[in-house]
Amino acid sequence: MAAPARAARVVAIAPHLAELACAAGACDQLVGRVAYSDYPADVAKLPSVGDAFALNAEALLALQPDLVIAWDGGTPAATLAQLQRLKLKTLSLRVNRLDDIEAALITLGEQLGTREPARKAAADYHTRIETLRSRYAHARRLRVFYQIEADPIFTINHDSPISQALALCGGDNVFADLPQLAGALGREAVLQRDPDVVIWGDKDDVAGIEGFWKRWPAAKATRSGNLYAVSSDKLARATPRMAEGAAELCAVLDLARGKALPR
C-alpha cells in the first residue's frame, strides 16, 4: 500500500500536537503553531495563529496549510466549525490517555507521510511505558496528591495522563474521583484525605504549595517528608516525553516508599 501524499504545510493548533508531529518525523512540515507551543525549540520560531481556544483566521489562511491538526475532545467546537467554514482539511487526534500517545504517533505517520520514523517513535514509547508497567506492577501502593496550585488548591482526576502515570508507578490519586479533569478543592477536603505523598510540577505554584504544607506539620506527607517536585515539562503534555516524566514519578514514589508512614 502506497504511503499518502506528504502534506507540505501543516499547522498544529495545540502545543502537544506540534510536539507529536515533530516526534512523528514531520517537524519540517510544520509552518504554524498556537501560543505556548515551544518544544522542540524550533517550533517556537514558527508563526502563531492564535491559541488553542481562539484562532486568527487571517493569520491561518496566510500560511496556506495543507492540513490543520486539531485536538479531538480539546479543540472547542466553535474552532472546529471555523476550520470547516474556512474549508481547511483537518485531522482531529484524540490524545487524552497514556496509550493514546502511541496511537497518535502512528496516525500522524500515516497521514503525514512519515510512517517509518513515526512507527519507530511509537515503538520506543511503548517499550518505555511497558517496562515501567512491568517493573511497578506489584509495588507497594501509595496514596498520592498531585497539586498544581495552592490558592485555590488545584488538582487532577483519573482522566489526566499524569494520574495514569502515577497509577503506572503504584500511586493512587486521592482525587481520582474529581468530577472534572482538573478542578479546585477546599483545604478541608485535602487534609481529610491525608495523602502519603504530595507531588507537584517544578513550573507550577512551587512557593505556594511548599508554604501550604509547612502550615500543616501533622499531615502524613509533611511528617514523613514525602513532598516532591518533578519536571513539569515532561508531564504537562501528552507526548512521548510522558515516558520520561513517568519514569521520574516512579523514582519519586520509590523514594517515598522508604519514608512513608504506616496506615
C-alpha atoms as a PDB file:
ATOM      1  CA  MET A   1       0.000   0.000   0.000  1.00  0.00           C
ATOM      2  CA  ALA A   2       1.467   3.343  -1.036  1.00  0.00           C
ATOM      3  CA  ALA A   3       2.106   5.998   1.598  1.00  0.00           C
ATOM      4  CA  PRO A   4      -0.253   9.009   1.483  1.00  0.00           C
ATOM      5  CA  ALA A   5       0.911  12.201  -0.155  1.00  0.00           C
ATOM      6  CA  ARG A   6       3.174  14.203   2.117  1.00  0.00           C
ATOM      7  CA  ALA A   7       1.392  17.285   3.499  1.00  0.00           C
ATOM      8  CA  ALA A   8       3.959  20.013   2.958  1.00  0.00           C
ATOM      9  CA  ARG A   9       2.326  22.732   5.084  1.00  0.00           C
ATOM     10  CA  VAL A  10       0.898  21.700   8.454  1.00  0.00           C
ATOM     11  CA  VAL A  11      -0.461  23.802  11.325  1.00  0.00           C
ATOM     12  CA  ALA A  12      -0.912  22.250  14.801  1.00  0.00           C
ATOM     13  CA  ILE A  13      -3.460  24.057  16.970  1.00  0.00           C
ATOM     14  CA  ALA A  14      -2.430  22.742  20.388  1.00  0.00           C
ATOM     15  CA  PRO A  15       1.090  22.660  21.888  1.00  0.00           C
ATOM     16  CA  HIS A  16       1.150  18.889  22.385  1.00  0.00           C
ATOM     17  CA  LEU A  17       0.033  18.334  18.788  1.00  0.00           C
ATOM     18  CA  ALA A  18       3.033  20.270  17.450  1.00  0.00           C
ATOM     19  CA  GLU A  19       5.329  18.183  19.652  1.00  0.00           C
ATOM     20  CA  LEU A  20       3.673  14.970  18.484  1.00  0.00           C
ATOM     21  CA  ALA A  21       4.076  15.964  14.827  1.00  0.00           C
ATOM     22  CA  CYS A  22       7.794  16.528  15.415  1.00  0.00           C
ATOM     23  CA  ALA A  23       8.124  13.221  17.255  1.00  0.00           C
ATOM     24  CA  ALA A  24       6.479  11.547  14.271  1.00  0.00           C
ATOM     25  CA  GLY A  25       9.194  12.924  11.980  1.00  0.00           C
ATOM     26  CA  ALA A  26       7.240  15.816  10.473  1.00  0.00           C
ATOM     27  CA  CYS A  27       8.777  18.843  12.188  1.00  0.00           C
ATOM     28  CA  ASP A  28       9.948  20.256   8.847  1.00  0.00           C
ATOM     29  CA  GLN A  29       6.342  20.167   7.610  1.00  0.00           C
ATOM     30  CA  LEU A  30       5.037  22.426  10.380  1.00  0.00           C
ATOM     31  CA  VAL A  31       4.501  26.015   9.214  1.00  0.00           C
ATOM     32  CA  GLY A  32       2.335  27.345  12.043  1.00  0.00           C
ATOM     33  CA  ARG A  33       1.556  26.887  15.720  1.00  0.00           C
ATOM     34  CA  VAL A  34      -0.502  28.310  18.556  1.00  0.00           C
ATOM     35  CA  ALA A  35       0.568  30.038  21.783  1.00  0.00           C
ATOM     36  CA  TYR A  36       2.728  28.047  24.229  1.00  0.00           C
ATOM     37  CA  SER A  37       3.966  25.677  21.513  1.00  0.00           C
ATOM     38  CA  ASP A  38       7.639  25.628  22.450  1.00  0.00           C
ATOM     39  CA  TYR A  39       9.015  22.118  22.034  1.00  0.00           C
ATOM     40  CA  PRO A  40      11.175  21.281  20.188  1.00  0.00           C
ATOM     41  CA  ALA A  41      12.753  24.739  20.306  1.00  0.00           C
ATOM     42  CA  ASP A  42      12.333  25.389  16.566  1.00  0.00           C
ATOM     43  CA  VAL A  43       8.554  25.152  16.940  1.00  0.00           C
ATOM     44  CA  ALA A  44       8.525  28.376  18.962  1.00  0.00           C
ATOM     45  CA  LYS A  45      10.018  30.216  15.955  1.00  0.00           C
ATOM     46  CA  LEU A  46       7.043  29.395  13.725  1.00  0.00           C
ATOM     47  CA  PRO A  47       4.288  31.964  13.062  1.00  0.00           C
ATOM     48  CA  SER A  48       1.470  31.900  15.626  1.00  0.00           C
ATOM     49  CA  VAL A  49      -2.158  31.630  14.548  1.00  0.00           C
ATOM     50  CA  GLY A  50      -3.701  32.379  17.956  1.00  0.00           C
ATOM     51  CA  ASP A  51      -4.126  29.995  20.848  1.00  0.00           C
ATOM     52  CA  ALA A  52      -5.723  26.607  21.432  1.00  0.00           C
ATOM     53  CA  PHE A  53      -9.125  28.227  22.041  1.00  0.00           C
ATOM     54  CA  ALA A  54      -9.248  31.097  19.533  1.00  0.00           C
ATOM     55  CA  LEU A  55      -7.688  31.128  16.066  1.00  0.00           C
ATOM     56  CA  ASN A  56      -6.750  34.134  13.955  1.00  0.00           C
ATOM     57  CA  ALA A  57      -8.343  33.198  10.631  1.00  0.00           C
ATOM     58  CA  GLU A  58      -6.341  35.732   8.648  1.00  0.00           C
ATOM     59  CA  ALA A  59      -3.013  34.508  10.038  1.00  0.00           C
ATOM     60  CA  LEU A  60      -4.006  30.884   9.498  1.00  0.00           C
ATOM     61  CA  LEU A  61      -5.091  31.365   5.881  1.00  0.00           C
ATOM     62  CA  ALA A  62      -1.909  33.329   5.120  1.00  0.00           C
ATOM     63  CA  LEU A  63       0.089  30.167   5.852  1.00  0.00           C
ATOM     64  CA  GLN A  64      -1.864  28.227   3.193  1.00  0.00           C
ATOM     65  CA  PRO A  65      -1.874  24.968   5.180  1.00  0.00           C
ATOM     66  CA  ASP A  66      -2.483  21.612   3.507  1.00  0.00           C
ATOM     67  CA  LEU A  67      -3.567  20.222   6.890  1.00  0.00           C
ATOM     68  CA  VAL A  68      -4.580  21.532  10.314  1.00  0.00           C
ATOM     69  CA  ILE A  69      -4.129  19.157  13.255  1.00  0.00           C
ATOM     70  CA  ALA A  70      -6.791  19.620  15.944  1.00  0.00           C
ATOM     71  CA  TRP A  71      -7.323  18.007  19.342  1.00  0.00           C
ATOM     72  CA  ASP A  72     -10.357  15.716  19.432  1.00  0.00           C
ATOM     73  CA  GLY A  73     -12.021  16.447  22.757  1.00  0.00           C
ATOM     74  CA  GLY A  74      -9.938  19.552  23.438  1.00  0.00           C
ATOM     75  CA  THR A  75     -10.287  21.925  20.486  1.00  0.00           C
ATOM     76  CA  PRO A  76     -13.539  23.889  21.018  1.00  0.00           C
ATOM     77  CA  ALA A  77     -16.467  23.047  18.747  1.00  0.00           C
ATOM     78  CA  ALA A  78     -16.561  26.676  17.597  1.00  0.00           C
ATOM     79  CA  THR A  79     -12.943  26.418  16.397  1.00  0.00           C
ATOM     80  CA  LEU A  80     -13.662  23.186  14.512  1.00  0.00           C
ATOM     81  CA  ALA A  81     -16.670  24.881  12.874  1.00  0.00           C
ATOM     82  CA  GLN A  82     -14.431  27.810  11.938  1.00  0.00           C
ATOM     83  CA  LEU A  83     -11.967  25.455  10.232  1.00  0.00           C
ATOM     84  CA  GLN A  84     -14.842  23.888   8.320  1.00  0.00           C
ATOM     85  CA  ARG A  85     -16.071  27.306   7.165  1.00  0.00           C
ATOM     86  CA  LEU A  86     -12.556  28.126   6.006  1.00  0.00           C
ATOM     87  CA  LYS A  87     -12.569  24.856   4.028  1.00  0.00           C
ATOM     88  CA  LEU A  88      -9.322  23.678   5.600  1.00  0.00           C
ATOM     89  CA  LYS A  89      -8.521  19.980   5.723  1.00  0.00           C
ATOM     90  CA  THR A  90      -8.436  18.954   9.383  1.00  0.00           C
ATOM     91  CA  LEU A  91      -7.120  15.912  11.243  1.00  0.00           C
ATOM     92  CA  SER A  92      -8.578  15.548  14.746  1.00  0.00           C
ATOM     93  CA  LEU A  93      -6.456  13.475  17.118  1.00  0.00           C
ATOM     94  CA  ARG A  94      -7.712  12.106  20.434  1.00  0.00           C
ATOM     95  CA  VAL A  95      -4.777  12.214  22.861  1.00  0.00           C
ATOM     96  CA  ASN A  96      -6.087  12.014  26.408  1.00  0.00           C
ATOM     97  CA  ARG A  97      -4.530   8.852  27.838  1.00  0.00           C
ATOM     98  CA  LEU A  98      -1.025   7.406  28.031  1.00  0.00           C
ATOM     99  CA  ASP A  99      -1.847   4.749  25.465  1.00  0.00           C
ATOM    100  CA  ASP A 100      -3.277   7.362  23.078  1.00  0.00           C
ATOM    101  CA  ILE A 101       0.217   8.756  22.522  1.00  0.00           C
ATOM    102  CA  GLU A 102       1.443   5.646  20.736  1.00  0.00           C
ATOM    103  CA  ALA A 103      -1.670   5.531  18.545  1.00  0.00           C
ATOM    104  CA  ALA A 104      -1.401   9.257  17.748  1.00  0.00           C
ATOM    105  CA  LEU A 105       2.178   8.869  16.535  1.00  0.00           C
ATOM    106  CA  ILE A 106       1.199   6.049  14.193  1.00  0.00           C
ATOM    107  CA  THR A 107      -1.785   8.015  12.853  1.00  0.00           C
ATOM    108  CA  LEU A 108       0.385  11.074  12.221  1.00  0.00           C
ATOM    109  CA  GLY A 109       2.950   8.951  10.410  1.00  0.00           C
ATOM    110  CA  GLU A 110       0.252   7.584   8.133  1.00  0.00           C
ATOM    111  CA  GLN A 111      -1.317  10.979   7.489  1.00  0.00           C
ATOM    112  CA  LEU A 112       1.877  12.998   7.082  1.00  0.00           C
ATOM    113  CA  GLY A 113       3.875  10.513   5.023  1.00  0.00           C
ATOM    114  CA  THR A 114       6.417   9.840   7.776  1.00  0.00           C
ATOM    115  CA  ARG A 115       5.379   6.262   8.511  1.00  0.00           C
ATOM    116  CA  GLU A 116       8.754   4.775   9.427  1.00  0.00           C
ATOM    117  CA  PRO A 117      10.048   7.437  11.871  1.00  0.00           C
ATOM    118  CA  ALA A 118       6.594   7.644  13.434  1.00  0.00           C
ATOM    119  CA  ARG A 119       6.413   3.888  13.970  1.00  0.00           C
ATOM    120  CA  LYS A 120       9.901   3.901  15.449  1.00  0.00           C
ATOM    121  CA  ALA A 121       8.943   6.689  17.882  1.00  0.00           C
ATOM    122  CA  ALA A 122       5.740   4.824  18.798  1.00  0.00           C
ATOM    123  CA  ALA A 123       7.622   1.577  19.417  1.00  0.00           C
ATOM    124  CA  ASP A 124      10.198   3.325  21.587  1.00  0.00           C
ATOM    125  CA  TYR A 125       7.487   4.998  23.655  1.00  0.00           C
ATOM    126  CA  HIS A 126       5.596   1.706  24.001  1.00  0.00           C
ATOM    127  CA  THR A 127       8.722  -0.081  25.246  1.00  0.00           C
ATOM    128  CA  ARG A 128       9.481   2.548  27.860  1.00  0.00           C
ATOM    129  CA  ILE A 129       5.904   2.601  29.207  1.00  0.00           C
ATOM    130  CA  GLU A 130       5.576  -1.187  29.271  1.00  0.00           C
ATOM    131  CA  THR A 131       8.930  -1.509  31.052  1.00  0.00           C
ATOM    132  CA  LEU A 132       7.663   0.758  33.818  1.00  0.00           C
ATOM    133  CA  ARG A 133       4.296  -1.011  33.928  1.00  0.00           C
ATOM    134  CA  SER A 134       6.002  -4.365  34.405  1.00  0.00           C
ATOM    135  CA  ARG A 135       8.543  -3.092  36.943  1.00  0.00           C
ATOM    136  CA  TYR A 136       5.953  -1.489  39.229  1.00  0.00           C
ATOM    137  CA  ALA A 137       3.049  -3.900  38.769  1.00  0.00           C
ATOM    138  CA  HIS A 138       3.474  -5.277  42.291  1.00  0.00           C
ATOM    139  CA  ALA A 139       4.964  -2.244  44.050  1.00  0.00           C
ATOM    140  CA  ARG A 140       3.513  -1.130  47.369  1.00  0.00           C
ATOM    141  CA  ARG A 141       0.777   1.315  46.508  1.00  0.00           C
ATOM    142  CA  LEU A 142       0.840   4.832  47.907  1.00  0.00           C
ATOM    143  CA  ARG A 143      -1.927   7.424  48.159  1.00  0.00           C
ATOM    144  CA  VAL A 144      -0.783  10.461  46.165  1.00  0.00           C
ATOM    145  CA  PHE A 145      -1.994  14.039  45.886  1.00  0.00           C
ATOM    146  CA  TYR A 146      -0.823  15.806  42.712  1.00  0.00           C
ATOM    147  CA  GLN A 147      -1.087  19.533  43.391  1.00  0.00           C
ATOM    148  CA  ILE A 148      -1.000  22.263  40.743  1.00  0.00           C
ATOM    149  CA  GLU A 149      -1.787  25.388  42.759  1.00  0.00           C
ATOM    150  CA  ALA A 150      -2.155  26.366  46.403  1.00  0.00           C
ATOM    151  CA  ASP A 151      -4.697  29.205  46.286  1.00  0.00           C
ATOM    152  CA  PRO A 152      -7.079  27.908  45.200  1.00  0.00           C
ATOM    153  CA  ILE A 153      -5.879  24.332  45.665  1.00  0.00           C
ATOM    154  CA  PHE A 154      -5.978  22.697  42.235  1.00  0.00           C
ATOM    155  CA  THR A 155      -5.571  19.057  41.190  1.00  0.00           C
ATOM    156  CA  ILE A 156      -6.442  16.490  38.502  1.00  0.00           C
ATOM    157  CA  ASN A 157      -8.742  13.473  38.275  1.00  0.00           C
ATOM    158  CA  HIS A 158      -8.248   9.938  36.919  1.00  0.00           C
ATOM    159  CA  ASP A 159      -8.646  11.073  33.296  1.00  0.00           C
ATOM    160  CA  SER A 160      -5.411  13.070  33.361  1.00  0.00           C
ATOM    161  CA  PRO A 161      -2.352  11.383  31.815  1.00  0.00           C
ATOM    162  CA  ILE A 162      -0.484  12.472  34.951  1.00  0.00           C
ATOM    163  CA  SER A 163      -2.867  10.446  37.102  1.00  0.00           C
ATOM    164  CA  GLN A 164      -2.422   7.494  34.758  1.00  0.00           C
ATOM    165  CA  ALA A 165       1.357   7.807  35.055  1.00  0.00           C
ATOM    166  CA  LEU A 166       1.034   7.779  38.834  1.00  0.00           C
ATOM    167  CA  ALA A 167      -1.060   4.615  38.653  1.00  0.00           C
ATOM    168  CA  LEU A 168       1.571   3.022  36.438  1.00  0.00           C
ATOM    169  CA  CYS A 169       4.129   3.641  39.202  1.00  0.00           C
ATOM    170  CA  GLY A 170       1.991   2.274  42.019  1.00  0.00           C
ATOM    171  CA  GLY A 171       0.403   5.553  43.080  1.00  0.00           C
ATOM    172  CA  ASP A 172      -3.317   6.041  43.725  1.00  0.00           C
ATOM    173  CA  ASN A 173      -4.576   9.547  43.007  1.00  0.00           C
ATOM    174  CA  VAL A 174      -6.536  10.554  46.115  1.00  0.00           C
ATOM    175  CA  PHE A 175      -8.761  12.777  43.973  1.00  0.00           C
ATOM    176  CA  ALA A 176      -9.261  10.355  41.090  1.00  0.00           C
ATOM    177  CA  ASP A 177     -12.998  10.785  41.683  1.00  0.00           C
ATOM    178  CA  LEU A 178     -12.990  14.523  40.957  1.00  0.00           C
ATOM    179  CA  PRO A 179     -15.928  15.169  38.532  1.00  0.00           C
ATOM    180  CA  GLN A 180     -13.833  17.207  36.081  1.00  0.00           C
ATOM    181  CA  LEU A 181     -10.377  16.719  34.559  1.00  0.00           C
ATOM    182  CA  ALA A 182      -8.921  19.496  36.740  1.00  0.00           C
ATOM    183  CA  GLY A 183     -10.592  21.433  39.489  1.00  0.00           C
ATOM    184  CA  ALA A 184     -10.394  23.421  42.709  1.00  0.00           C
ATOM    185  CA  LEU A 185     -10.604  21.886  46.180  1.00  0.00           C
ATOM    186  CA  GLY A 186     -11.229  23.098  49.691  1.00  0.00           C
ATOM    187  CA  ARG A 187      -8.456  22.878  52.289  1.00  0.00           C
ATOM    188  CA  GLU A 188     -10.533  20.579  54.496  1.00  0.00           C
ATOM    189  CA  ALA A 189     -11.080  18.076  51.690  1.00  0.00           C
ATOM    190  CA  VAL A 190      -7.331  17.824  51.043  1.00  0.00           C
ATOM    191  CA  LEU A 191      -6.398  17.442  54.707  1.00  0.00           C
ATOM    192  CA  GLN A 192      -9.144  14.888  55.271  1.00  0.00           C
ATOM    193  CA  ARG A 193      -7.793  12.590  52.558  1.00  0.00           C
ATOM    194  CA  ASP A 194      -4.330  12.920  54.150  1.00  0.00           C
ATOM    195  CA  PRO A 195      -2.174  11.536  51.284  1.00  0.00           C
ATOM    196  CA  ASP A 196       1.037   9.572  51.831  1.00  0.00           C
ATOM    197  CA  VAL A 197       2.808  11.673  49.196  1.00  0.00           C
ATOM    198  CA  VAL A 198       2.350  15.140  47.680  1.00  0.00           C
ATOM    199  CA  ILE A 199       3.822  15.840  44.240  1.00  0.00           C
ATOM    200  CA  TRP A 200       3.815  18.996  42.119  1.00  0.00           C
ATOM    201  CA  GLY A 201       5.411  20.275  38.934  1.00  0.00           C
ATOM    202  CA  ASP A 202       8.510  22.456  39.142  1.00  0.00           C
ATOM    203  CA  LYS A 203       6.820  25.114  36.983  1.00  0.00           C
ATOM    204  CA  ASP A 204       3.591  25.140  38.981  1.00  0.00           C
ATOM    205  CA  ASP A 205       2.911  27.210  42.112  1.00  0.00           C
ATOM    206  CA  VAL A 206       6.015  25.877  43.897  1.00  0.00           C
ATOM    207  CA  ALA A 207       6.322  28.542  46.622  1.00  0.00           C
ATOM    208  CA  GLY A 208       2.603  28.454  47.359  1.00  0.00           C
ATOM    209  CA  ILE A 209       2.441  24.663  47.567  1.00  0.00           C
ATOM    210  CA  GLU A 210       5.517  24.392  49.789  1.00  0.00           C
ATOM    211  CA  GLY A 211       4.112  27.112  52.054  1.00  0.00           C
ATOM    212  CA  PHE A 212       0.755  25.347  52.272  1.00  0.00           C
ATOM    213  CA  TRP A 213       2.234  22.086  53.550  1.00  0.00           C
ATOM    214  CA  LYS A 214       4.541  23.836  56.027  1.00  0.00           C
ATOM    215  CA  ARG A 215       1.380  25.099  57.723  1.00  0.00           C
ATOM    216  CA  TRP A 216       0.225  21.507  58.298  1.00  0.00           C
ATOM    217  CA  PRO A 217       3.066  19.674  60.058  1.00  0.00           C
ATOM    218  CA  ALA A 218       0.717  16.939  61.314  1.00  0.00           C
ATOM    219  CA  ALA A 219      -0.223  15.870  57.771  1.00  0.00           C
ATOM    220  CA  LYS A 220       1.147  12.454  56.876  1.00  0.00           C
ATOM    221  CA  ALA A 221       3.128  13.638  53.826  1.00  0.00           C
ATOM    222  CA  THR A 222       4.669  16.501  55.810  1.00  0.00           C
ATOM    223  CA  ARG A 223       5.638  14.294  58.770  1.00  0.00           C
ATOM    224  CA  SER A 224       7.331  11.736  56.506  1.00  0.00           C
ATOM    225  CA  GLY A 225       8.978  14.343  54.296  1.00  0.00           C
ATOM    226  CA  ASN A 226       7.215  12.971  51.236  1.00  0.00           C
ATOM    227  CA  LEU A 227       6.806  16.290  49.424  1.00  0.00           C
ATOM    228  CA  TYR A 228       8.354  16.336  45.937  1.00  0.00           C
ATOM    229  CA  ALA A 229       8.707  18.496  42.838  1.00  0.00           C
ATOM    230  CA  VAL A 230       9.021  16.808  39.445  1.00  0.00           C
ATOM    231  CA  SER A 231       9.586  18.113  35.914  1.00  0.00           C
ATOM    232  CA  SER A 232       6.504  19.954  34.652  1.00  0.00           C
ATOM    233  CA  ASP A 233       7.771  19.907  31.065  1.00  0.00           C
ATOM    234  CA  LYS A 234       7.763  16.112  30.895  1.00  0.00           C
ATOM    235  CA  LEU A 235       4.270  15.715  32.337  1.00  0.00           C
ATOM    236  CA  ALA A 236       2.262  18.710  31.135  1.00  0.00           C
ATOM    237  CA  ARG A 237       1.603  17.416  27.620  1.00  0.00           C
ATOM    238  CA  ALA A 238       0.503  14.042  26.264  1.00  0.00           C
ATOM    239  CA  THR A 239       3.581  13.386  24.110  1.00  0.00           C
ATOM    240  CA  PRO A 240       6.413  10.821  24.121  1.00  0.00           C
ATOM    241  CA  ARG A 241       8.134  12.847  26.859  1.00  0.00           C
ATOM    242  CA  MET A 242       5.446  11.458  29.183  1.00  0.00           C
ATOM    243  CA  ALA A 243       7.562   8.283  29.332  1.00  0.00           C
ATOM    244  CA  GLU A 244      10.406  10.308  30.858  1.00  0.00           C
ATOM    245  CA  GLY A 245       8.003  12.045  33.207  1.00  0.00           C
ATOM    246  CA  ALA A 246       6.510   8.709  34.271  1.00  0.00           C
ATOM    247  CA  ALA A 247       9.990   7.331  34.984  1.00  0.00           C
ATOM    248  CA  GLU A 248      10.668  10.359  37.201  1.00  0.00           C
ATOM    249  CA  LEU A 249       7.376   9.833  39.051  1.00  0.00           C
ATOM    250  CA  CYS A 250       8.250   6.172  39.594  1.00  0.00           C
ATOM    251  CA  ALA A 251      11.646   7.110  41.031  1.00  0.00           C
ATOM    252  CA  VAL A 252       9.993   9.612  43.395  1.00  0.00           C
ATOM    253  CA  LEU A 253       7.476   7.023  44.602  1.00  0.00           C
ATOM    254  CA  ASP A 254      10.296   4.526  45.151  1.00  0.00           C
ATOM    255  CA  LEU A 255      11.954   7.094  47.393  1.00  0.00           C
ATOM    256  CA  ALA A 256       8.661   7.799  49.133  1.00  0.00           C
ATOM    257  CA  ARG A 257       8.066   4.107  49.915  1.00  0.00           C
ATOM    258  CA  GLY A 258      11.145   4.099  52.111  1.00  0.00           C
ATOM    259  CA  LYS A 259       9.796   7.029  54.146  1.00  0.00           C
ATOM    260  CA  ALA A 260       6.018   6.530  54.091  1.00  0.00           C
ATOM    261  CA  LEU A 261       4.292   6.250  57.470  1.00  0.00           C
ATOM    262  CA  PRO A 262       2.210   3.160  58.253  1.00  0.00           C
ATOM    263  CA  ARG A 263      -1.538   3.465  57.602  1.00  0.00           C
END
